[in-house]
Protein backbone atom coordinates (compact mmCIF):
# COMPACT_ATOMS: atom_id res chain seq x y z
CA MET A 1 107.41 79.42 90.14
CA ALA A 2 105.41 79.35 86.91
CA VAL A 3 106.77 81.26 83.92
CA LYS A 4 103.84 83.68 83.98
CA ASP A 5 104.56 84.49 87.63
CA GLN A 6 108.22 85.10 86.81
CA VAL A 7 107.27 87.37 83.91
CA LEU A 8 104.90 89.29 86.18
CA ALA A 9 107.63 89.68 88.81
CA VAL A 10 110.11 91.11 86.26
CA LEU A 11 107.55 93.55 84.88
CA ALA A 12 106.56 94.65 88.38
CA LEU A 13 110.18 95.44 89.23
CA ALA A 14 110.52 97.41 85.97
CA GLU A 15 108.05 99.99 87.41
CA GLY A 16 106.19 100.62 84.15
CA GLN A 17 109.25 100.57 81.89
CA PHE A 18 109.21 98.35 78.80
CA VAL A 19 111.13 95.08 78.81
CA SER A 20 111.68 93.31 75.50
CA GLY A 21 110.55 89.75 74.94
CA GLN A 22 114.16 88.84 74.22
CA GLU A 23 115.32 90.28 77.55
CA LEU A 24 112.52 88.52 79.43
CA ALA A 25 113.48 85.23 77.80
CA ARG A 26 117.15 85.79 78.66
CA GLN A 27 116.48 86.66 82.31
CA LEU A 28 114.16 83.72 82.85
CA GLY A 29 116.03 81.15 80.76
CA VAL A 30 113.01 80.33 78.60
CA SER A 31 112.06 80.71 74.93
CA ARG A 32 110.42 83.78 73.40
CA ALA A 33 107.38 81.59 72.72
CA ALA A 34 107.12 80.77 76.43
CA VAL A 35 107.24 84.48 77.25
CA TRP A 36 104.48 85.20 74.73
CA LYS A 37 102.28 82.44 76.19
CA ALA A 38 102.89 83.81 79.69
CA ILE A 39 101.84 87.31 78.59
CA GLN A 40 98.63 85.94 77.08
CA ALA A 41 97.88 83.98 80.26
CA LEU A 42 98.39 87.06 82.43
CA ARG A 43 96.13 89.15 80.22
CA ALA A 44 93.47 86.44 80.38
CA GLU A 45 93.61 86.77 84.19
CA GLY A 46 92.93 90.49 83.88
CA CYS A 47 96.50 91.75 84.25
CA PRO A 48 96.87 94.98 82.20
CA ILE A 49 100.03 94.60 80.12
CA ASP A 50 100.94 97.01 77.33
CA ALA A 51 102.89 95.82 74.27
CA VAL A 52 104.75 98.04 71.80
CA THR A 53 106.64 96.80 68.76
CA ASN A 54 110.43 96.99 69.17
CA ARG A 55 110.03 97.97 72.83
CA GLY A 56 108.45 94.95 74.47
CA TYR A 57 106.05 94.66 77.40
CA ALA A 58 105.21 96.83 80.41
CA LEU A 59 102.64 96.88 83.12
CA SER A 60 99.99 99.47 82.37
CA ARG A 61 100.33 102.70 84.37
CA GLU A 62 96.92 101.92 85.83
CA ALA A 63 98.15 98.62 87.24
CA ASP A 64 99.17 98.42 90.88
CA LEU A 65 99.72 94.74 91.37
CA LEU A 66 99.75 93.51 94.93
CA THR A 67 100.42 89.79 94.81
CA GLU A 68 102.53 87.28 96.70
CA THR A 69 104.70 86.86 93.61
CA ALA A 70 105.32 90.61 93.25
CA ILE A 71 106.22 90.98 96.94
CA ARG A 72 108.57 87.99 96.84
CA ALA A 73 110.20 89.25 93.66
CA ALA A 74 111.17 92.47 95.44
CA SER A 75 112.27 90.69 98.64
CA PRO A 76 115.71 89.27 99.48
CA ALA A 77 116.09 85.54 98.87
CA ASP A 78 117.06 84.99 102.52
CA LEU A 79 113.71 86.24 103.80
CA PRO A 80 111.71 82.99 104.16
CA LEU A 81 108.26 84.36 104.97
CA ASN A 82 104.83 82.87 104.47
CA ILE A 83 103.22 85.73 102.53
CA GLN A 84 99.49 85.59 101.80
CA VAL A 85 97.52 88.25 99.93
CA GLU A 86 93.73 88.52 100.22
CA ASP A 87 91.39 90.72 98.21
CA ARG A 88 89.42 91.92 101.22
CA LEU A 89 89.38 91.28 104.96
CA PRO A 90 87.65 92.92 107.92
CA GLY A 91 91.17 93.59 109.26
CA THR A 92 94.56 91.95 108.78
CA ASN A 93 95.42 92.13 112.49
CA ALA A 94 92.20 90.46 113.59
CA GLU A 95 92.51 87.69 111.01
CA LEU A 96 96.17 87.07 111.82
CA ARG A 97 95.40 86.89 115.56
CA ARG A 98 92.84 84.21 114.74
CA ARG A 99 95.43 82.27 112.75
CA ALA A 100 98.01 82.74 115.53
CA GLU A 101 95.64 81.07 117.98
CA GLN A 102 95.45 78.14 115.56
CA GLY A 103 99.23 77.78 115.56
CA ALA A 104 100.38 79.80 112.54
CA PRO A 105 104.17 80.15 112.61
CA GLU A 106 106.28 83.24 113.11
CA GLY A 107 106.89 85.00 109.82
CA THR A 108 103.32 84.64 108.56
CA VAL A 109 102.54 87.83 106.65
CA LEU A 110 98.96 88.73 105.76
CA VAL A 111 98.24 91.46 103.21
CA ALA A 112 94.80 92.76 102.22
CA ARG A 113 94.05 94.89 99.18
CA SER A 114 91.27 96.49 101.26
CA GLN A 115 89.82 96.25 104.76
CA THR A 116 86.20 96.63 105.74
CA ALA A 117 86.72 97.06 109.49
CA GLY A 118 90.33 98.12 109.97
CA ARG A 119 91.26 99.40 113.43
CA GLY A 120 93.91 101.66 114.87
CA ARG A 121 94.90 102.33 118.46
CA SER A 122 92.16 102.41 121.10
CA GLY A 123 89.79 100.71 118.64
CA ARG A 124 89.61 103.70 116.31
CA GLU A 125 88.41 103.05 112.77
CA PHE A 126 91.21 102.90 110.20
CA PHE A 127 90.03 103.97 106.75
CA SER A 128 91.39 101.41 104.31
CA PRO A 129 89.76 101.52 100.85
CA GLU A 130 90.90 99.40 97.94
CA GLY A 131 93.69 100.62 95.70
CA SER A 132 94.98 103.58 97.71
CA GLY A 133 96.84 101.91 100.58
CA LEU A 134 98.92 99.03 101.87
CA TYR A 135 97.44 96.99 104.73
CA LEU A 136 99.79 94.38 106.15
CA SER A 137 100.22 92.38 109.35
CA VAL A 138 103.11 90.20 110.54
CA LEU A 139 102.97 87.39 113.10
CA LEU A 140 105.86 87.25 115.57
CA ARG A 141 106.63 84.84 118.39
CA PRO A 142 109.45 86.68 120.20
CA LYS A 143 110.95 85.71 123.55
CA LEU A 144 110.13 89.02 125.19
CA THR A 145 108.47 90.25 128.35
CA ALA A 146 105.39 92.44 128.10
CA ALA A 147 107.51 95.47 129.06
CA GLN A 148 109.96 94.79 126.24
CA SER A 149 107.17 94.56 123.67
CA THR A 150 107.10 98.38 123.37
CA LEU A 151 110.35 98.04 121.43
CA LEU A 152 108.55 96.13 118.65
CA THR A 153 106.49 99.18 117.74
CA ALA A 154 109.54 101.45 117.74
CA MET A 155 111.42 98.93 115.59
CA ALA A 156 108.51 98.73 113.15
CA ALA A 157 108.20 102.53 112.98
CA VAL A 158 111.86 102.88 112.02
CA ALA A 159 111.60 100.07 109.46
CA ALA A 160 108.46 101.60 107.94
CA ALA A 161 110.00 105.08 107.83
CA ARG A 162 113.09 103.76 106.06
CA ALA A 163 110.98 101.82 103.56
CA ALA A 164 108.62 104.72 102.86
CA GLU A 165 111.52 107.12 102.31
CA ALA A 166 113.30 104.70 99.99
CA ILE A 167 110.19 104.11 97.87
CA SER A 168 108.79 107.65 97.81
CA GLY A 169 111.84 109.89 98.19
CA GLN A 170 109.95 111.89 100.84
CA GLU A 171 111.22 112.71 104.33
CA ILE A 172 109.31 110.70 106.94
CA ARG A 173 109.01 111.59 110.62
CA ILE A 174 107.61 109.57 113.52
CA LYS A 175 104.98 110.87 115.93
CA TRP A 176 105.20 108.95 119.18
CA VAL A 177 104.15 106.19 119.55
CA ASN A 178 103.29 104.70 116.22
CA ASP A 179 102.41 107.15 113.45
CA LEU A 180 104.44 108.15 110.40
CA TRP A 181 104.07 111.67 109.10
CA ARG A 182 105.01 113.29 105.83
CA GLY A 183 105.05 117.02 106.36
CA GLU A 184 101.99 117.94 108.39
CA LYS A 185 99.93 114.84 107.56
CA LYS A 186 99.78 111.30 108.89
CA VAL A 187 100.56 108.76 106.18
CA CYS A 188 100.91 105.55 108.20
CA GLY A 189 99.68 103.96 111.41
CA ILE A 190 101.17 100.98 113.22
CA LEU A 191 99.30 98.75 115.65
CA THR A 192 100.98 96.08 117.78
CA GLU A 193 98.76 93.58 119.59
CA ALA A 194 100.05 90.80 121.80
CA ALA A 195 98.88 87.74 123.72
CA LEU A 196 100.59 86.94 127.03
CA ASP A 197 101.71 83.57 128.28
CA LEU A 198 100.39 83.70 131.84
CA GLU A 199 102.80 81.03 133.08
CA SER A 200 106.02 82.63 131.84
CA GLY A 201 104.90 86.26 131.86
CA GLY A 202 106.29 86.62 128.35
CA LEU A 203 104.60 87.02 124.99
CA GLN A 204 102.82 84.08 123.42
CA TYR A 205 102.76 85.99 120.14
CA ALA A 206 102.58 89.51 118.75
CA VAL A 207 100.78 90.74 115.65
CA LEU A 208 102.25 93.84 114.09
CA GLY A 209 99.95 95.73 111.74
CA LEU A 210 100.85 98.44 109.23
CA GLY A 211 98.50 100.70 107.28
CA VAL A 212 99.99 103.13 104.75
CA ASN A 213 98.12 105.75 102.69
CA LEU A 214 99.88 105.68 99.32
CA THR A 215 97.46 107.99 97.51
CA GLU A 216 94.42 110.03 98.41
CA PRO A 217 91.35 107.78 98.12
CA GLU A 218 88.79 108.35 95.41
CA GLY A 219 86.25 110.78 96.83
CA GLY A 220 88.70 112.14 99.39
CA TRP A 221 89.13 111.43 103.08
CA PRO A 222 86.20 110.92 105.46
CA PRO A 223 85.29 114.04 107.49
CA SER A 224 86.93 112.62 110.60
CA LEU A 225 90.30 112.38 108.82
CA GLN A 226 90.29 115.59 106.81
CA GLY A 227 93.18 117.77 107.85
CA ILE A 228 94.91 114.80 109.52
CA ALA A 229 95.47 112.06 106.95
CA GLY A 230 97.61 112.50 103.89
CA PRO A 231 99.15 110.40 101.10
CA LEU A 232 102.71 109.23 100.69
CA PHE A 233 102.51 110.19 96.99
CA ASP A 234 100.92 113.31 95.52
CA ALA A 235 100.47 111.61 92.12
CA PRO A 236 99.78 107.97 91.20
CA PRO A 237 103.00 106.01 91.87
CA PRO A 238 104.58 103.56 89.39
CA PRO A 239 102.94 100.14 88.93
CA GLY A 240 103.89 97.66 91.64
CA THR A 241 104.65 100.30 94.27
CA ARG A 242 102.55 98.67 96.98
CA ALA A 243 104.35 95.35 96.50
CA ARG A 244 107.76 97.05 96.58
CA LEU A 245 106.81 99.00 99.71
CA ALA A 246 105.66 95.80 101.42
CA ALA A 247 108.92 94.07 100.48
CA ALA A 248 111.03 97.03 101.62
CA PHE A 249 109.28 97.15 105.00
CA LEU A 250 109.65 93.40 105.56
CA GLN A 251 113.33 93.54 104.64
CA GLN A 252 114.03 96.46 106.97
CA PHE A 253 111.95 95.10 109.84
CA PHE A 254 113.31 91.56 109.87
CA ALA A 255 116.90 92.80 109.65
CA LEU A 256 116.28 94.72 112.89
CA TYR A 257 114.18 91.95 114.44
CA ARG A 258 116.80 89.25 113.91
CA ALA A 259 119.46 91.28 115.69
CA PHE A 260 117.06 92.84 118.23
CA ASP A 261 119.62 95.38 119.37
CA PRO A 262 118.01 98.66 120.48
CA ALA A 263 121.20 100.45 119.43
CA ASP A 264 120.24 99.61 115.83
CA PHE A 265 116.95 101.54 115.89
CA LEU A 266 116.36 103.60 119.06
CA PRO A 267 118.72 106.46 118.09
CA GLU A 268 116.93 106.74 114.75
CA TYR A 269 113.52 106.44 116.43
CA ARG A 270 114.52 109.36 118.64
CA ARG A 271 116.00 111.38 115.75
CA ARG A 272 112.86 111.10 113.62
CA GLN A 273 110.49 112.23 116.40
CA LEU A 274 108.11 115.09 115.65
CA LEU A 275 107.36 115.94 119.25
CA LEU A 276 110.72 116.20 121.01
CA GLY A 277 111.49 119.71 122.16
CA ARG A 278 107.92 120.83 121.55
CA PRO A 279 105.04 121.77 123.83
CA VAL A 280 102.47 118.99 123.90
CA GLU A 281 99.14 118.13 125.47
CA LEU A 282 98.70 114.82 127.26
CA LEU A 283 95.39 113.08 126.62
CA LEU A 284 95.49 110.27 129.17
CA PRO A 285 92.48 108.06 130.06
CA GLY A 286 90.37 109.44 132.88
CA ARG A 287 92.29 112.71 133.08
CA PRO A 288 91.71 116.21 131.69
CA PRO A 289 94.17 117.42 129.01
CA GLN A 290 97.47 118.38 130.59
CA PRO A 291 100.19 120.66 129.15
CA ALA A 292 103.79 119.45 129.07
CA TRP A 293 107.02 119.47 127.07
CA ALA A 294 108.26 116.38 125.24
CA VAL A 295 111.93 116.05 126.23
CA ASP A 296 113.22 112.55 125.49
CA ILE A 297 112.69 108.94 124.40
CA ASP A 298 114.04 106.45 126.94
CA ARG A 299 115.62 103.02 126.41
CA GLN A 300 112.20 101.33 126.28
CA ALA A 301 110.96 103.74 123.57
CA ARG A 302 108.79 105.52 126.14
CA LEU A 303 108.14 109.26 125.95
CA VAL A 304 109.56 111.42 128.73
CA VAL A 305 107.68 114.68 129.33
CA ARG A 306 108.28 117.56 131.69
CA LEU A 307 105.26 118.99 133.46
CA PRO A 308 104.62 122.65 134.36
CA ASP A 309 105.81 122.06 137.96
CA GLY A 310 109.20 120.86 136.69
CA SER A 311 108.63 117.17 137.41
CA THR A 312 109.00 114.52 134.70
CA GLN A 313 106.68 111.71 133.68
CA THR A 314 107.43 108.69 131.51
CA LEU A 315 104.65 107.45 129.22
CA SER A 316 104.45 103.99 127.71
CA ALA A 317 100.99 104.60 126.21
CA GLY A 318 98.46 107.36 125.78
CA GLU A 319 97.64 110.09 123.28
CA VAL A 320 99.94 113.09 122.97
CA ARG A 321 99.36 115.93 120.55
CA ALA A 322 101.57 118.87 119.69
CA ARG A 323 100.59 122.40 120.59
CA PRO A 324 101.63 125.52 118.65
CA LEU A 325 104.74 127.08 120.15
CA GLU A 326 103.09 130.50 120.33
CA GLU A 327 100.41 129.11 122.63
CA GLU A 328 102.90 127.65 125.09
CA LYS A 329 102.97 129.56 128.38
CA ILE A 330 105.73 127.60 130.12
CA LYS A 331 109.10 129.36 130.02
CA GLU A 332 112.05 127.35 128.77
CA ASN A 333 114.06 128.00 131.92
CA GLU A 334 111.23 126.54 133.97
CA VAL A 335 111.20 123.25 132.06
CA ASP A 336 115.00 122.89 131.74
CA LEU A 337 114.98 121.60 128.18
């Protein structure tokens, strides 16, 4: 790694705090002159670095570097991933699926600073402007059946919730299947897409996409998202936060993925659920909205609901939204919570 990349990595991890030239030289095992040259090279590339006599160097508060170097600097050394950062893509999932078809290996990570045609579940538009979010996709080639693939989304939701809490200090809940909520607003969506091997019946590959709203976008949310979407941070976060969040998610996810033991994440997936014990409305394709109670998450991360007639139904997909408790007409003794 070039000295300027090492300097950038140290400053990114300092989160806007000043690091002296002497300390940079000591950490990197280079001369003070080499540090100075690296700072000049970074500034020439447009990297905003502040310098104060007797204090040293710091990334400007306006900087939010999202680079391969910054992500790797915040990642464990035993996480050998192929991380690629692009300025702009139509969508990280779509591009990574294309690369998967061309033979890209497991562990390929694609990050975009902005997306022009990001998608969520059921093809919904995912608003992903530059500077206010983290848009990341991971290529996996797991030995799983199609039925087992539902666990990937649950695993990713737990990993993302842990990472978001660690970076922001905010409590994060999960709304089945794949949304992260802070308070009453959605701050993250997860989309898992897979290709099947028709001969084996297993997965050929899976692409796991993550979109996180770090701050409210300039100009506010589009009308379709007002009242629904929210930011992870109420104020601009420290420089390098997007890179540290990406690294924290990758670390948490691959620790769970390597073990692939549902006992490591399903209890937490269940504990973080927003909907359990609440009246909900099922919005299933081709059916009118149906009232129910959300009562459990099963061993395949599916949602178990109890219907007004007392019967239960297990959902592996579909839209479910919470209803206010005061509007619920089903008595608790009728649904046997």
